[in-house]
Amino acid sequence: MLVCLDAGQEIPSRPEPYDVCFYVVEGSGTFTVGNEKAELSSGQMVSAPANVARGIKSKERMVVLGIQEPH
């Protein structure tokens, strides 16, 4: 899935029943996975296991590719 966020937009942290990797195509933001936060920008990625809360908050306009396991 492709996620596009304007500066300051947020996807609140919540658990999902599948593994996912987030690859930042453009921009930067803060990714929360469980109790950890990571500041990522273009060309970086983070993964989140199933049933662990994950969320995204953009610092600037951001395009993120979410690659999830089939479910």
C-alpha atoms as a PDB file:
ATOM      1  CA  MET A   1       0.000   0.000   0.000  1.00  0.00           C
ATOM      2  CA  LEU A   2       1.141   3.562  -0.620  1.00  0.00           C
ATOM      3  CA  VAL A   3       0.626   6.075   2.211  1.00  0.00           C
ATOM      4  CA  CYS A   4       0.897   9.827   1.575  1.00  0.00           C
ATOM      5  CA  LEU A   5       0.935  12.216   4.533  1.00  0.00           C
ATOM      6  CA  ASP A   6       1.168  16.009   4.606  1.00  0.00           C
ATOM      7  CA  ALA A   7       3.423  17.708   7.168  1.00  0.00           C
ATOM      8  CA  GLY A   8       2.152  17.056  10.683  1.00  0.00           C
ATOM      9  CA  GLN A   9      -0.335  14.336   9.717  1.00  0.00           C
ATOM     10  CA  GLU A  10      -0.391  11.216  11.842  1.00  0.00           C
ATOM     11  CA  ILE A  11      -1.579   7.624  11.739  1.00  0.00           C
ATOM     12  CA  PRO A  12      -2.146   6.842  15.434  1.00  0.00           C
ATOM     13  CA  SER A  13      -0.328   3.875  16.911  1.00  0.00           C
ATOM     14  CA  ARG A  14      -2.389   0.674  17.018  1.00  0.00           C
ATOM     15  CA  PRO A  15      -1.729  -3.062  16.743  1.00  0.00           C
ATOM     16  CA  GLU A  16      -2.448  -4.885  13.491  1.00  0.00           C
ATOM     17  CA  PRO A  17      -2.633  -8.684  12.989  1.00  0.00           C
ATOM     18  CA  TYR A  18       0.089  -8.853  10.299  1.00  0.00           C
ATOM     19  CA  ASP A  19       3.815  -8.120   9.804  1.00  0.00           C
ATOM     20  CA  VAL A  20       4.644  -4.994   7.796  1.00  0.00           C
ATOM     21  CA  CYS A  21       7.725  -3.147   6.509  1.00  0.00           C
ATOM     22  CA  PHE A  22       7.557   0.600   5.916  1.00  0.00           C
ATOM     23  CA  TYR A  23       9.901   2.085   3.287  1.00  0.00           C
ATOM     24  CA  VAL A  24      10.150   5.885   3.134  1.00  0.00           C
ATOM     25  CA  VAL A  25      10.028   6.912  -0.539  1.00  0.00           C
ATOM     26  CA  GLU A  26      10.017  10.668   0.125  1.00  0.00           C
ATOM     27  CA  GLY A  27      10.104  12.985   3.149  1.00  0.00           C
ATOM     28  CA  SER A  28      10.680  12.150   6.812  1.00  0.00           C
ATOM     29  CA  GLY A  29       8.834  11.323   9.986  1.00  0.00           C
ATOM     30  CA  THR A  30       8.676   9.408  13.229  1.00  0.00           C
ATOM     31  CA  PHE A  31       7.704   5.743  13.211  1.00  0.00           C
ATOM     32  CA  THR A  32       6.556   4.068  16.408  1.00  0.00           C
ATOM     33  CA  VAL A  33       6.837   0.283  16.780  1.00  0.00           C
ATOM     34  CA  GLY A  34       5.846  -0.964  20.216  1.00  0.00           C
ATOM     35  CA  ASN A  35       7.615   1.292  22.738  1.00  0.00           C
ATOM     36  CA  GLU A  36      10.368   2.368  20.326  1.00  0.00           C
ATOM     37  CA  LYS A  37      10.483   5.409  18.048  1.00  0.00           C
ATOM     38  CA  ALA A  38      12.629   5.815  14.927  1.00  0.00           C
ATOM     39  CA  GLU A  39      13.259   8.975  12.906  1.00  0.00           C
ATOM     40  CA  LEU A  40      13.338   7.918   9.246  1.00  0.00           C
ATOM     41  CA  SER A  41      13.812   9.735   5.948  1.00  0.00           C
ATOM     42  CA  SER A  42      13.952   8.873   2.235  1.00  0.00           C
ATOM     43  CA  GLY A  43      15.580   5.515   1.545  1.00  0.00           C
ATOM     44  CA  GLN A  44      15.178   4.127   5.073  1.00  0.00           C
ATOM     45  CA  MET A  45      12.867   1.415   6.338  1.00  0.00           C
ATOM     46  CA  VAL A  46      11.527  -0.157   9.513  1.00  0.00           C
ATOM     47  CA  SER A  47       9.575  -3.350  10.159  1.00  0.00           C
ATOM     48  CA  ALA A  48       6.808  -4.056  12.643  1.00  0.00           C
ATOM     49  CA  PRO A  49       5.752  -7.569  13.693  1.00  0.00           C
ATOM     50  CA  ALA A  50       2.147  -8.703  13.871  1.00  0.00           C
ATOM     51  CA  ASN A  51       0.109  -7.647  16.901  1.00  0.00           C
ATOM     52  CA  VAL A  52       2.585  -4.910  17.903  1.00  0.00           C
ATOM     53  CA  ALA A  53       1.302  -1.323  17.868  1.00  0.00           C
ATOM     54  CA  ARG A  54       2.703   0.826  15.053  1.00  0.00           C
ATOM     55  CA  GLY A  55       2.129   4.424  14.000  1.00  0.00           C
ATOM     56  CA  ILE A  56       3.538   7.187  11.788  1.00  0.00           C
ATOM     57  CA  LYS A  57       3.817  10.968  12.252  1.00  0.00           C
ATOM     58  CA  SER A  58       5.175  13.015   9.342  1.00  0.00           C
ATOM     59  CA  LYS A  59       7.602  15.906   9.816  1.00  0.00           C
ATOM     60  CA  GLU A  60       7.192  17.011   6.205  1.00  0.00           C
ATOM     61  CA  ARG A  61       5.232  15.763   3.218  1.00  0.00           C
ATOM     62  CA  MET A  62       5.949  12.044   3.221  1.00  0.00           C
ATOM     63  CA  VAL A  63       5.335   9.091   0.916  1.00  0.00           C
ATOM     64  CA  VAL A  64       5.656   5.642   2.502  1.00  0.00           C
ATOM     65  CA  LEU A  65       5.409   2.216   0.899  1.00  0.00           C
ATOM     66  CA  GLY A  66       3.889  -0.344   3.269  1.00  0.00           C
ATOM     67  CA  ILE A  67       4.701  -3.952   2.408  1.00  0.00           C
ATOM     68  CA  GLN A  68       2.634  -6.364   4.463  1.00  0.00           C
ATOM     69  CA  GLU A  69       2.366 -10.111   4.699  1.00  0.00           C
ATOM     70  CA  PRO A  70      -0.721 -11.681   3.095  1.00  0.00           C
ATOM     71  CA  HIS A  71      -3.681 -11.928   5.424  1.00  0.00           C
END
